[in-house]
Amino acid sequence: MSSTRVLIDHRTGAQRSGPRHPEKANRPDNPIQRKPAWIRVKAPTNPIYHETHALMRENGLVTVCEEAGCPNIGECWSQRHATMMIMGDTCTRACSFCNVRTGQPEALDATEPARVADAVARLALAHIVITSVDRDDLADGGAAHFAAVIRAIRAAAPSTTIEVLTPDFLRKPGGMEIVAEARPDVFNHNLETVPRLYPSIRPGARYYQSLRLLDGVKRLAPGIFTKSGLMVGLGEERAEILQVMDDLRIAEVDFLTLGQYLQPSVKHAAVAEFVTPEAFAEYAALARARGFLLVSASPLTRSSYHADADFARLRAARQAGG
């Protein structure tokens, strides 16, 4: 089986008219800083990249890689890797770091779970990553839709391992339980930043809700690997990052990702610092010392970057630990 990860979305690929982020229009401009040499990436020229791009368009697919402006798109698409987003392309929140469209989402597409599963089966994927926009407009935050997608993939491609990157299900009682009971192999929810910065970076979220979500999954289904990630370079302090690591270990989170925040536009939060590769290496060592089964920390690390290989390493680490 290949390790390709692909995105299915409601969109057909046609561009929408109007500004992408009308809710950010009144924010002050934050000039985009020049990136240091260690974080620059080459423009994609690999022919497989162009084949992957053509495959996405031919199948009416839209990728989170494109939506979020991921710097790894050249590398990942050259290996036919992408990340799936379900429940539309419009988020009900307006986080100041995120490049996904904000607004009133469309109704859920009841055919989406079957379409996702069909794509996974036809492409013979070894590992699939499924994420979504926040859907605060839904009574369960989209939990039942996540579960339906997981069940459909299990039926169509039983050997494919499934990783979900979910919203926080804030004020959605039972949402976490619905997804966990569908038994994904990896349950990922990103804390994104340190608690002090939540009011400016994640104003619609609550730090301790995210911790409770991760802790709850581990208590309900100890066999599911749990995962979370942080962006650095937003003005956080070293001690705050270490405290978040400690909080995640108390919640028995297995896998931590750390990556550099990159500013999508002048209307998004400014980069306060470009963290050096040496500092990332130190954070990785400190995280491993705290007992995480797996740590991925580098300027270009993203939550689903190399997720297929990382899952294999997670499973091996658990087996080695007995």
Protein backbone atom coordinates (compact mmCIF):
# COMPACT_ATOMS: atom_id res chain seq x y z
CA MET A 1 0.00 0.00 0.00
CA SER A 2 1.15 3.56 -0.61
CA SER A 3 1.41 6.08 2.21
CA THR A 4 -0.42 8.87 0.39
CA ARG A 5 -2.75 11.02 2.46
CA VAL A 6 -5.43 12.87 0.54
CA LEU A 7 -8.11 15.51 1.17
CA ILE A 8 -11.78 15.37 0.15
CA ASP A 9 -13.75 18.61 0.48
CA HIS A 10 -17.16 20.01 -0.45
CA ARG A 11 -15.58 22.39 -2.91
CA THR A 12 -15.21 21.60 -6.58
CA GLY A 13 -11.99 23.50 -6.97
CA ALA A 14 -13.66 26.63 -8.32
CA GLN A 15 -12.51 29.85 -6.68
CA ARG A 16 -14.97 31.76 -4.53
CA SER A 17 -15.44 35.46 -5.04
CA GLY A 18 -14.89 38.02 -2.30
CA PRO A 19 -12.15 38.38 0.33
CA ARG A 20 -10.86 35.22 1.96
CA HIS A 21 -10.86 36.66 5.49
CA PRO A 22 -13.44 39.48 5.72
CA GLU A 23 -13.50 39.12 9.52
CA LYS A 24 -9.80 40.12 9.65
CA ALA A 25 -10.19 43.29 7.57
CA ASN A 26 -10.20 45.59 10.61
CA ARG A 27 -7.08 44.12 12.16
CA PRO A 28 -3.93 46.26 11.98
CA ASP A 29 -1.35 45.19 9.44
CA ASN A 30 1.64 43.19 10.68
CA PRO A 31 4.47 43.31 8.14
CA ILE A 32 5.74 39.87 7.12
CA GLN A 33 9.37 39.38 8.09
CA ARG A 34 12.03 37.85 5.85
CA LYS A 35 12.51 34.20 6.72
CA PRO A 36 15.92 32.96 7.87
CA ALA A 37 17.87 30.58 5.65
CA TRP A 38 16.97 27.52 7.71
CA ILE A 39 13.25 27.91 7.05
CA ARG A 40 13.24 28.66 3.35
CA VAL A 41 12.07 25.95 0.99
CA LYS A 42 12.64 25.54 -2.72
CA ALA A 43 9.83 25.98 -5.21
CA PRO A 44 8.47 22.56 -6.22
CA THR A 45 9.79 21.29 -9.54
CA ASN A 46 9.56 17.53 -9.07
CA PRO A 47 7.35 15.99 -11.79
CA ILE A 48 5.57 13.88 -9.17
CA TYR A 49 4.51 17.12 -7.47
CA HIS A 50 2.77 18.17 -10.67
CA GLU A 51 1.25 14.70 -11.03
CA THR A 52 -0.13 14.98 -7.49
CA HIS A 53 -1.52 18.42 -8.25
CA ALA A 54 -3.21 17.07 -11.38
CA LEU A 55 -4.60 14.11 -9.43
CA MET A 56 -6.17 16.45 -6.87
CA ARG A 57 -7.79 18.55 -9.57
CA GLU A 58 -8.99 15.58 -11.63
CA ASN A 59 -10.71 14.08 -8.58
CA GLY A 60 -12.19 17.37 -7.38
CA LEU A 61 -10.03 17.34 -4.25
CA VAL A 62 -8.81 20.29 -2.19
CA THR A 63 -5.93 19.95 0.25
CA VAL A 64 -5.21 21.43 3.64
CA CYS A 65 -1.69 21.79 2.27
CA GLU A 66 -3.06 24.49 -0.06
CA GLU A 67 -5.66 25.93 2.32
CA ALA A 68 -3.13 26.49 5.11
CA GLY A 69 -0.22 27.47 2.85
CA CYS A 70 1.97 24.70 4.26
CA PRO A 71 5.71 25.20 3.55
CA ASN A 72 6.15 21.45 3.10
CA ILE A 73 3.80 21.13 0.14
CA GLY A 74 6.65 20.69 -2.35
CA GLU A 75 8.20 17.82 -0.40
CA CYS A 76 4.95 16.12 0.55
CA TRP A 77 3.28 16.36 -2.84
CA SER A 78 6.47 15.07 -4.46
CA GLN A 79 5.78 11.92 -2.38
CA ARG A 80 2.01 12.09 -3.12
CA HIS A 81 1.29 13.04 0.49
CA ALA A 82 -1.55 15.39 1.44
CA THR A 83 -3.98 15.81 4.37
CA MET A 84 -7.75 15.38 4.28
CA MET A 85 -10.18 18.02 5.49
CA ILE A 86 -13.85 17.21 6.01
CA MET A 87 -16.98 19.25 6.78
CA GLY A 88 -16.21 22.04 4.33
CA ASP A 89 -13.59 24.74 4.00
CA THR A 90 -15.22 27.42 6.17
CA CYS A 91 -14.48 27.63 9.90
CA THR A 92 -16.72 29.16 12.55
CA ARG A 93 -13.73 30.61 14.41
CA ALA A 94 -11.19 33.29 13.50
CA CYS A 95 -7.89 32.27 15.08
CA SER A 96 -5.24 34.88 14.34
CA PHE A 97 -2.67 32.31 13.14
CA CYS A 98 -4.89 30.38 10.75
CA ASN A 99 -5.32 30.83 7.00
CA VAL A 100 -8.55 28.85 6.64
CA ARG A 101 -11.63 30.81 5.57
CA THR A 102 -13.95 32.02 8.39
CA GLY A 103 -17.69 32.42 8.05
CA GLN A 104 -20.97 30.50 8.04
CA PRO A 105 -20.32 26.95 6.82
CA GLU A 106 -22.55 25.02 4.47
CA ALA A 107 -24.64 22.08 5.67
CA LEU A 108 -22.82 18.79 6.08
CA ASP A 109 -22.70 16.56 3.01
CA ALA A 110 -24.12 13.15 3.95
CA THR A 111 -22.28 11.53 1.03
CA GLU A 112 -18.87 12.69 2.22
CA PRO A 113 -17.98 9.66 4.42
CA ALA A 114 -18.60 7.27 1.52
CA ARG A 115 -16.65 9.48 -0.91
CA VAL A 116 -13.71 9.71 1.47
CA ALA A 117 -13.68 5.95 2.03
CA ASP A 118 -13.89 5.28 -1.70
CA ALA A 119 -10.88 7.52 -2.36
CA VAL A 120 -8.87 5.83 0.41
CA ALA A 121 -9.66 2.38 -0.97
CA ARG A 122 -8.96 3.27 -4.60
CA LEU A 123 -5.64 4.89 -3.75
CA ALA A 124 -4.64 2.01 -1.41
CA LEU A 125 -3.55 4.31 1.39
CA ALA A 126 -1.55 2.85 4.26
CA HIS A 127 -2.33 5.77 6.60
CA ILE A 128 -4.90 8.56 6.36
CA VAL A 129 -5.02 11.84 8.27
CA ILE A 130 -8.44 13.45 8.64
CA THR A 131 -8.88 16.98 9.93
CA SER A 132 -11.69 19.51 9.78
CA VAL A 133 -12.68 23.09 10.29
CA ASP A 134 -14.31 24.07 13.59
CA ARG A 135 -18.06 23.58 13.37
CA ASP A 136 -19.49 25.42 16.38
CA ASP A 137 -22.77 25.66 14.43
CA LEU A 138 -23.40 21.92 14.90
CA ALA A 139 -24.88 20.48 18.09
CA ASP A 140 -22.07 17.92 18.39
CA GLY A 141 -19.34 20.01 16.73
CA GLY A 142 -19.20 17.51 13.87
CA ALA A 143 -18.29 14.52 16.05
CA ALA A 144 -20.84 12.17 14.46
CA HIS A 145 -19.54 13.11 11.01
CA PHE A 146 -15.97 12.29 12.07
CA ALA A 147 -17.20 8.94 13.39
CA ALA A 148 -19.09 8.23 10.16
CA VAL A 149 -15.94 8.90 8.13
CA ILE A 150 -13.89 6.58 10.36
CA ARG A 151 -16.45 3.78 10.08
CA ALA A 152 -16.70 4.17 6.31
CA ILE A 153 -12.91 3.92 5.93
CA ARG A 154 -12.80 0.86 8.18
CA ALA A 155 -15.38 -0.84 5.96
CA ALA A 156 -13.80 0.12 2.63
CA ALA A 157 -10.10 -0.10 3.57
CA PRO A 158 -9.72 -2.16 6.75
CA SER A 159 -5.91 -2.21 6.65
CA THR A 160 -5.59 1.59 6.48
CA THR A 161 -4.64 3.21 9.78
CA ILE A 162 -6.60 6.35 10.66
CA GLU A 163 -5.44 9.54 12.36
CA VAL A 164 -7.89 12.29 13.25
CA LEU A 165 -7.03 15.91 14.05
CA THR A 166 -10.19 17.19 15.70
CA PRO A 167 -11.66 20.45 16.97
CA ASP A 168 -11.88 20.92 20.75
CA PHE A 169 -15.65 20.19 20.97
CA LEU A 170 -16.02 23.15 23.31
CA ARG A 171 -19.52 23.13 24.85
CA LYS A 172 -20.38 20.01 22.82
CA PRO A 173 -21.12 17.34 25.48
CA GLY A 174 -20.43 13.86 24.21
CA GLY A 175 -18.46 14.99 21.14
CA MET A 176 -15.15 13.55 22.27
CA GLU A 177 -16.80 10.27 23.26
CA ILE A 178 -18.45 9.87 19.84
CA VAL A 179 -15.12 10.18 18.01
CA ALA A 180 -13.15 8.07 20.50
CA GLU A 181 -15.72 5.28 20.37
CA ALA A 182 -15.17 5.07 16.59
CA ARG A 183 -11.59 4.03 17.49
CA PRO A 184 -9.21 5.99 15.27
CA ASP A 185 -5.64 4.79 15.62
CA VAL A 186 -4.39 8.29 16.52
CA PHE A 187 -6.45 11.05 18.15
CA ASN A 188 -4.74 14.41 17.61
CA HIS A 189 -5.83 17.77 18.96
CA ASN A 190 -3.39 20.68 18.88
CA LEU A 191 -2.99 23.05 21.82
CA GLU A 192 -1.31 25.40 19.30
CA THR A 193 0.19 27.83 21.84
CA VAL A 194 0.74 28.52 25.54
CA PRO A 195 -2.24 29.46 27.72
CA ARG A 196 -1.17 33.12 28.16
CA LEU A 197 -1.51 33.70 24.41
CA TYR A 198 -4.92 32.09 23.94
CA PRO A 199 -6.91 35.38 24.12
CA SER A 200 -4.98 36.82 21.16
CA ILE A 201 -4.11 33.65 19.19
CA ARG A 202 -7.04 31.27 19.87
CA PRO A 203 -9.79 33.54 21.22
CA GLY A 204 -12.56 31.01 20.57
CA ALA A 205 -10.77 28.18 22.39
CA ARG A 206 -9.94 27.36 26.00
CA TYR A 207 -6.61 25.81 26.98
CA TYR A 208 -7.98 23.55 29.69
CA GLN A 209 -10.80 22.34 27.46
CA SER A 210 -8.17 21.11 25.01
CA LEU A 211 -6.25 19.37 27.81
CA ARG A 212 -9.46 17.77 29.13
CA LEU A 213 -10.23 16.51 25.62
CA LEU A 214 -6.86 14.76 25.30
CA ASP A 215 -7.03 13.40 28.83
CA GLY A 216 -10.58 12.16 28.26
CA VAL A 217 -9.65 10.24 25.12
CA LYS A 218 -6.83 8.46 26.93
CA ARG A 219 -9.10 7.55 29.84
CA LEU A 220 -11.91 6.33 27.60
CA ALA A 221 -9.71 4.42 25.14
CA PRO A 222 -6.15 3.85 26.45
CA GLY A 223 -5.21 1.97 23.28
CA ILE A 224 -5.61 5.04 21.07
CA PHE A 225 -2.41 7.04 20.57
CA THR A 226 -2.91 10.69 21.54
CA LYS A 227 -1.04 13.54 19.94
CA SER A 228 -0.81 17.32 20.23
CA GLY A 229 1.21 20.14 18.75
CA LEU A 230 2.49 23.63 19.45
CA MET A 231 3.61 26.52 17.25
CA VAL A 232 6.55 28.53 18.54
CA GLY A 233 7.67 32.02 17.64
CA LEU A 234 4.48 33.77 18.79
CA GLY A 235 6.03 35.42 21.83
CA GLU A 236 5.89 32.49 24.24
CA GLU A 237 8.63 31.99 26.83
CA ARG A 238 10.74 28.86 27.25
CA ALA A 239 9.31 28.14 30.70
CA GLU A 240 5.79 28.32 29.28
CA ILE A 241 6.59 25.72 26.63
CA LEU A 242 8.05 23.41 29.25
CA GLN A 243 4.92 23.83 31.37
CA VAL A 244 2.74 22.86 28.41
CA MET A 245 4.90 19.76 27.93
CA ASP A 246 4.31 18.86 31.58
CA ASP A 247 0.55 19.43 31.23
CA LEU A 248 0.45 17.15 28.17
CA ARG A 249 2.33 14.40 29.96
CA ILE A 250 -0.06 14.60 32.91
CA ALA A 251 -2.79 13.98 30.32
CA GLU A 252 -0.67 11.00 29.08
CA VAL A 253 -0.30 12.38 25.56
CA ASP A 254 1.97 10.11 23.54
CA PHE A 255 3.26 12.29 20.71
CA LEU A 256 4.30 15.96 20.64
CA THR A 257 4.98 18.09 17.56
CA LEU A 258 6.69 21.49 17.68
CA GLY A 259 7.04 23.76 14.65
CA GLN A 260 7.73 27.37 13.73
CA TYR A 261 4.73 29.67 13.28
CA LEU A 262 4.75 31.30 9.84
CA GLN A 263 2.56 34.35 9.26
CA PRO A 264 0.06 33.75 6.41
CA SER A 265 -0.67 37.41 5.67
CA VAL A 266 -0.33 40.94 7.06
CA LYS A 267 -3.72 40.49 8.76
CA HIS A 268 -2.52 37.55 10.83
CA ALA A 269 -0.53 37.49 14.09
CA ALA A 270 3.05 38.64 13.67
CA VAL A 271 6.04 36.36 14.06
CA ALA A 272 7.77 37.37 17.29
CA GLU A 273 10.81 35.15 16.77
CA PHE A 274 12.28 32.65 14.34
CA VAL A 275 13.36 29.83 16.64
CA THR A 276 16.69 28.27 15.65
CA PRO A 277 17.14 24.60 14.75
CA GLU A 278 19.40 24.29 17.79
CA ALA A 279 16.60 25.49 20.08
CA PHE A 280 14.20 23.00 18.48
CA ALA A 281 16.71 20.22 19.16
CA GLU A 282 16.87 21.27 22.80
CA TYR A 283 13.06 21.30 23.07
CA ALA A 284 12.97 17.82 21.52
CA ALA A 285 15.44 16.49 24.09
CA LEU A 286 13.49 18.05 26.96
CA ALA A 287 10.26 16.57 25.65
CA ARG A 288 11.75 13.09 25.33
CA ALA A 289 13.06 13.37 28.88
CA ARG A 290 9.47 13.97 30.02
CA GLY A 291 8.37 10.63 28.62
CA PHE A 292 6.69 11.30 25.28
CA LEU A 293 6.79 8.18 23.11
CA LEU A 294 7.59 10.32 20.08
CA VAL A 295 8.66 13.92 19.50
CA SER A 296 8.93 15.79 16.21
CA ALA A 297 10.45 19.25 16.59
CA SER A 298 11.93 21.38 13.83
CA PRO A 299 11.22 24.70 12.10
CA LEU A 300 9.19 22.97 9.36
CA THR A 301 7.41 20.39 11.52
CA ARG A 302 3.64 20.41 11.06
CA SER A 303 1.00 18.27 12.73
CA SER A 304 0.56 15.81 9.87
CA TYR A 305 4.07 16.07 8.42
CA HIS A 306 5.40 12.50 7.91
CA ALA A 307 2.39 11.21 9.87
CA ASP A 308 2.52 7.79 8.23
CA ALA A 309 6.15 7.14 9.18
CA ASP A 310 5.58 8.65 12.63
CA PHE A 311 2.68 6.27 13.27
CA ALA A 312 4.94 3.31 12.52
CA ARG A 313 7.50 4.71 14.96
CA LEU A 314 4.80 5.25 17.59
CA ARG A 315 3.64 1.68 17.33
CA ALA A 316 7.22 0.40 17.51
CA ALA A 317 7.94 2.57 20.57
CA ARG A 318 4.89 1.22 22.38
CA GLN A 319 5.83 -2.37 21.55
CA ALA A 320 9.40 -1.79 22.72
CA GLY A 321 8.09 -0.41 25.99
CA GLY A 322 5.97 -3.49 26.58
